Amino acid sequence: MKEIILLPAPRCRRSRKILEYLTGRGLPFRRVDLDSAEGQELARRYDFRASPGILVDGVSVNPYDLLQVPACRVDEARAAQIFGIPENRKDHT
């Protein structure tokens, strides 16, 4: 399983959708609030331009690569590929 770090921003719809996706599938991830000191340091280090900040195995992922716009829904196929979800976990809710 890949190491996932999520930096959600307060009141951010994209952050909420991706948090719900990860939690709903029981995927392990570490949450670092974007407005915390650690979150601000990570945002500077990885030059996040949109929320939530997402790191997968130390690589920054653009949240728009995970979401269907304008519906703001997680694209299941793209998320499975990016997060390294095994086939038998894709439909876990």
N, C-alpha and C. Protein backbone atom coordinates (compact mmCIF):
# COMPACT_ATOMS: atom_id res chain seq x y z
N MET A 1 0.85 -1.18 0.00
CA MET A 1 0.00 0.00 0.00
C MET A 1 0.89 1.24 0.00
N LYS A 2 0.48 2.24 -0.71
CA LYS A 2 1.24 3.48 -0.80
C LYS A 2 1.02 4.34 0.43
N GLU A 3 2.03 5.18 0.75
CA GLU A 3 1.89 6.12 1.85
C GLU A 3 1.16 7.35 1.34
N ILE A 4 0.03 7.67 1.96
CA ILE A 4 -0.80 8.81 1.55
C ILE A 4 -0.83 9.83 2.68
N ILE A 5 -0.51 11.07 2.33
CA ILE A 5 -0.63 12.18 3.27
C ILE A 5 -1.59 13.17 2.64
N LEU A 6 -2.61 13.55 3.39
CA LEU A 6 -3.63 14.47 2.89
C LEU A 6 -3.60 15.74 3.74
N LEU A 7 -3.57 16.88 3.06
CA LEU A 7 -3.56 18.18 3.73
C LEU A 7 -4.84 18.91 3.38
N PRO A 8 -5.93 18.64 4.11
CA PRO A 8 -7.20 19.29 3.79
C PRO A 8 -7.24 20.73 4.27
N ALA A 9 -7.93 21.56 3.52
CA ALA A 9 -8.15 22.95 3.90
C ALA A 9 -9.53 23.05 4.54
N PRO A 10 -9.68 23.96 5.51
CA PRO A 10 -10.99 24.12 6.15
C PRO A 10 -12.07 24.51 5.14
N ARG A 11 -13.23 23.91 5.28
CA ARG A 11 -14.41 24.22 4.46
C ARG A 11 -14.20 24.02 2.96
N CYS A 12 -13.27 23.15 2.59
CA CYS A 12 -12.98 22.90 1.17
C CYS A 12 -13.75 21.67 0.70
N ARG A 13 -14.58 21.85 -0.31
CA ARG A 13 -15.40 20.75 -0.84
C ARG A 13 -14.52 19.62 -1.40
N ARG A 14 -13.45 19.96 -2.12
CA ARG A 14 -12.57 18.93 -2.68
C ARG A 14 -11.91 18.13 -1.55
N SER A 15 -11.48 18.83 -0.51
CA SER A 15 -10.87 18.15 0.64
C SER A 15 -11.85 17.16 1.25
N ARG A 16 -13.09 17.61 1.45
CA ARG A 16 -14.12 16.75 2.05
C ARG A 16 -14.37 15.52 1.20
N LYS A 17 -14.46 15.68 -0.12
CA LYS A 17 -14.75 14.55 -1.01
C LYS A 17 -13.63 13.52 -0.98
N ILE A 18 -12.38 13.98 -0.99
CA ILE A 18 -11.26 13.04 -0.99
C ILE A 18 -11.12 12.38 0.38
N LEU A 19 -11.35 13.12 1.46
CA LEU A 19 -11.35 12.52 2.80
C LEU A 19 -12.42 11.42 2.90
N GLU A 20 -13.62 11.71 2.40
CA GLU A 20 -14.70 10.72 2.42
C GLU A 20 -14.33 9.49 1.61
N TYR A 21 -13.70 9.69 0.48
CA TYR A 21 -13.29 8.57 -0.37
C TYR A 21 -12.29 7.67 0.37
N LEU A 22 -11.24 8.26 0.92
CA LEU A 22 -10.22 7.47 1.61
C LEU A 22 -10.78 6.76 2.83
N THR A 23 -11.55 7.48 3.62
CA THR A 23 -12.13 6.91 4.84
C THR A 23 -13.15 5.82 4.50
N GLY A 24 -13.98 6.06 3.50
CA GLY A 24 -15.02 5.11 3.12
C GLY A 24 -14.46 3.79 2.61
N ARG A 25 -13.24 3.82 2.11
CA ARG A 25 -12.61 2.59 1.62
C ARG A 25 -11.63 1.99 2.61
N GLY A 26 -11.54 2.61 3.76
CA GLY A 26 -10.65 2.09 4.79
C GLY A 26 -9.18 2.17 4.42
N LEU A 27 -8.83 3.14 3.57
CA LEU A 27 -7.45 3.29 3.16
C LEU A 27 -6.66 4.04 4.22
N PRO A 28 -5.48 3.55 4.58
CA PRO A 28 -4.68 4.25 5.57
C PRO A 28 -4.08 5.52 4.98
N PHE A 29 -4.20 6.60 5.72
CA PHE A 29 -3.59 7.86 5.30
C PHE A 29 -3.30 8.69 6.54
N ARG A 30 -2.42 9.64 6.39
CA ARG A 30 -2.11 10.56 7.48
C ARG A 30 -2.67 11.91 7.12
N ARG A 31 -3.42 12.48 8.05
CA ARG A 31 -4.02 13.79 7.84
C ARG A 31 -3.16 14.85 8.53
N VAL A 32 -2.82 15.88 7.76
CA VAL A 32 -2.09 17.03 8.30
C VAL A 32 -2.90 18.25 7.87
N ASP A 33 -3.50 18.94 8.82
CA ASP A 33 -4.31 20.10 8.47
C ASP A 33 -3.45 21.15 7.78
N LEU A 34 -3.94 21.66 6.67
CA LEU A 34 -3.21 22.62 5.86
C LEU A 34 -2.88 23.88 6.65
N ASP A 35 -3.73 24.27 7.59
CA ASP A 35 -3.48 25.49 8.35
C ASP A 35 -2.60 25.28 9.59
N SER A 36 -2.08 24.05 9.77
CA SER A 36 -1.15 23.79 10.87
C SER A 36 0.27 24.18 10.43
N ALA A 37 1.18 24.28 11.39
CA ALA A 37 2.58 24.62 11.07
C ALA A 37 3.18 23.57 10.14
N GLU A 38 2.94 22.29 10.43
CA GLU A 38 3.46 21.22 9.56
C GLU A 38 2.83 21.30 8.17
N GLY A 39 1.53 21.57 8.13
CA GLY A 39 0.84 21.69 6.84
C GLY A 39 1.39 22.83 6.01
N GLN A 40 1.65 23.97 6.63
CA GLN A 40 2.21 25.12 5.92
C GLN A 40 3.60 24.80 5.39
N GLU A 41 4.41 24.09 6.17
CA GLU A 41 5.75 23.71 5.73
C GLU A 41 5.68 22.76 4.53
N LEU A 42 4.80 21.77 4.61
CA LEU A 42 4.65 20.84 3.48
C LEU A 42 4.13 21.56 2.24
N ALA A 43 3.20 22.48 2.43
CA ALA A 43 2.65 23.24 1.30
C ALA A 43 3.76 24.05 0.61
N ARG A 44 4.64 24.65 1.40
CA ARG A 44 5.76 25.40 0.82
C ARG A 44 6.74 24.46 0.12
N ARG A 45 7.08 23.36 0.79
CA ARG A 45 8.07 22.42 0.24
C ARG A 45 7.61 21.82 -1.09
N TYR A 46 6.32 21.48 -1.18
CA TYR A 46 5.82 20.82 -2.39
C TYR A 46 5.09 21.79 -3.32
N ASP A 47 5.05 23.06 -2.97
CA ASP A 47 4.47 24.10 -3.81
C ASP A 47 3.03 23.77 -4.22
N PHE A 48 2.20 23.40 -3.22
CA PHE A 48 0.80 23.11 -3.50
C PHE A 48 0.10 24.35 -4.03
N ARG A 49 -0.69 24.17 -5.10
CA ARG A 49 -1.42 25.27 -5.71
C ARG A 49 -2.93 25.12 -5.58
N ALA A 50 -3.39 23.97 -5.08
CA ALA A 50 -4.82 23.72 -4.90
C ALA A 50 -4.99 22.84 -3.66
N SER A 51 -6.16 22.93 -3.05
CA SER A 51 -6.42 22.07 -1.90
C SER A 51 -7.36 20.94 -2.32
N PRO A 52 -7.23 19.81 -1.68
CA PRO A 52 -6.28 19.54 -0.63
C PRO A 52 -4.90 19.24 -1.20
N GLY A 53 -3.89 19.44 -0.36
CA GLY A 53 -2.56 18.96 -0.74
C GLY A 53 -2.56 17.46 -0.60
N ILE A 54 -1.99 16.77 -1.56
CA ILE A 54 -1.96 15.31 -1.53
C ILE A 54 -0.55 14.85 -1.85
N LEU A 55 -0.01 13.98 -1.01
CA LEU A 55 1.28 13.36 -1.26
C LEU A 55 1.07 11.85 -1.28
N VAL A 56 1.56 11.21 -2.31
CA VAL A 56 1.51 9.75 -2.42
C VAL A 56 2.95 9.28 -2.61
N ASP A 57 3.44 8.55 -1.62
CA ASP A 57 4.84 8.11 -1.61
C ASP A 57 5.79 9.28 -1.86
N GLY A 58 5.49 10.43 -1.23
CA GLY A 58 6.37 11.58 -1.31
C GLY A 58 6.26 12.40 -2.59
N VAL A 59 5.29 12.07 -3.44
CA VAL A 59 5.10 12.79 -4.70
C VAL A 59 3.78 13.56 -4.62
N SER A 60 3.83 14.83 -4.99
CA SER A 60 2.63 15.67 -4.97
C SER A 60 1.66 15.24 -6.07
N VAL A 61 0.37 15.16 -5.70
CA VAL A 61 -0.68 14.81 -6.65
C VAL A 61 -1.66 15.97 -6.74
N ASN A 62 -1.97 16.40 -7.94
CA ASN A 62 -2.94 17.46 -8.14
C ASN A 62 -4.34 16.90 -7.84
N PRO A 63 -5.11 17.55 -6.95
CA PRO A 63 -6.43 17.01 -6.64
C PRO A 63 -7.35 16.93 -7.85
N TYR A 64 -7.11 17.76 -8.85
CA TYR A 64 -7.94 17.71 -10.06
C TYR A 64 -7.67 16.45 -10.88
N ASP A 65 -6.56 15.75 -10.61
CA ASP A 65 -6.30 14.47 -11.26
C ASP A 65 -7.17 13.37 -10.68
N LEU A 66 -7.77 13.62 -9.51
CA LEU A 66 -8.62 12.63 -8.84
C LEU A 66 -10.11 12.90 -8.99
N LEU A 67 -10.45 14.14 -9.34
CA LEU A 67 -11.86 14.54 -9.31
C LEU A 67 -12.45 14.74 -10.70
N GLN A 68 -13.72 14.44 -10.81
CA GLN A 68 -14.48 14.75 -12.02
C GLN A 68 -15.04 16.16 -11.84
N VAL A 69 -14.66 17.03 -12.74
CA VAL A 69 -15.09 18.43 -12.67
C VAL A 69 -16.22 18.62 -13.67
N PRO A 70 -17.26 19.35 -13.40
CA PRO A 70 -17.51 20.19 -12.24
C PRO A 70 -18.27 19.48 -11.12
N ALA A 71 -18.54 18.20 -11.26
CA ALA A 71 -19.35 17.49 -10.27
C ALA A 71 -18.65 17.34 -8.92
N CYS A 72 -17.33 17.48 -8.89
CA CYS A 72 -16.55 17.32 -7.66
C CYS A 72 -16.79 15.93 -7.06
N ARG A 73 -16.67 14.92 -7.91
CA ARG A 73 -16.75 13.52 -7.47
C ARG A 73 -15.42 12.85 -7.75
N VAL A 74 -15.03 11.95 -6.87
CA VAL A 74 -13.78 11.23 -7.07
C VAL A 74 -13.95 10.27 -8.24
N ASP A 75 -13.02 10.32 -9.17
CA ASP A 75 -12.99 9.40 -10.31
C ASP A 75 -12.39 8.09 -9.80
N GLU A 76 -13.23 7.07 -9.69
CA GLU A 76 -12.83 5.79 -9.08
C GLU A 76 -11.62 5.17 -9.75
N ALA A 77 -11.58 5.15 -11.07
CA ALA A 77 -10.47 4.51 -11.79
C ALA A 77 -9.16 5.26 -11.57
N ARG A 78 -9.22 6.57 -11.67
CA ARG A 78 -7.99 7.36 -11.46
C ARG A 78 -7.52 7.26 -10.02
N ALA A 79 -8.44 7.32 -9.08
CA ALA A 79 -8.06 7.23 -7.66
C ALA A 79 -7.44 5.87 -7.36
N ALA A 80 -8.00 4.81 -7.89
CA ALA A 80 -7.45 3.47 -7.66
C ALA A 80 -6.02 3.38 -8.18
N GLN A 81 -5.78 3.97 -9.34
CA GLN A 81 -4.44 3.96 -9.92
C GLN A 81 -3.47 4.81 -9.08
N ILE A 82 -3.87 6.01 -8.74
CA ILE A 82 -3.00 6.93 -8.00
C ILE A 82 -2.71 6.42 -6.59
N PHE A 83 -3.74 5.93 -5.90
CA PHE A 83 -3.57 5.48 -4.53
C PHE A 83 -3.10 4.03 -4.43
N GLY A 84 -3.03 3.33 -5.54
CA GLY A 84 -2.56 1.95 -5.53
C GLY A 84 -3.51 1.01 -4.83
N ILE A 85 -4.80 1.17 -5.11
CA ILE A 85 -5.81 0.35 -4.46
C ILE A 85 -5.87 -1.01 -5.15
N PRO A 86 -5.72 -2.09 -4.39
CA PRO A 86 -5.85 -3.43 -4.98
C PRO A 86 -7.27 -3.64 -5.53
N GLU A 87 -7.39 -4.46 -6.52
CA GLU A 87 -8.68 -4.73 -7.17
C GLU A 87 -9.77 -5.10 -6.18
N ASN A 88 -9.44 -5.89 -5.17
CA ASN A 88 -10.46 -6.35 -4.24
C ASN A 88 -10.89 -5.28 -3.23
N ARG A 89 -10.29 -4.08 -3.26
CA ARG A 89 -10.66 -3.02 -2.33
C ARG A 89 -11.43 -1.89 -3.01
N LYS A 90 -11.52 -1.90 -4.34
CA LYS A 90 -12.12 -0.79 -5.06
C LYS A 90 -13.56 -0.56 -4.70
N ASP A 91 -14.31 -1.63 -4.46
CA ASP A 91 -15.74 -1.44 -4.22
C ASP A 91 -16.09 -1.45 -2.73
N HIS A 92 -15.10 -1.40 -1.85
CA HIS A 92 -15.35 -1.38 -0.40
C HIS A 92 -15.99 -0.05 -0.02
N THR A 93 -17.07 -0.11 0.71
CA THR A 93 -17.70 1.13 1.20
C THR A 93 -18.03 0.98 2.66
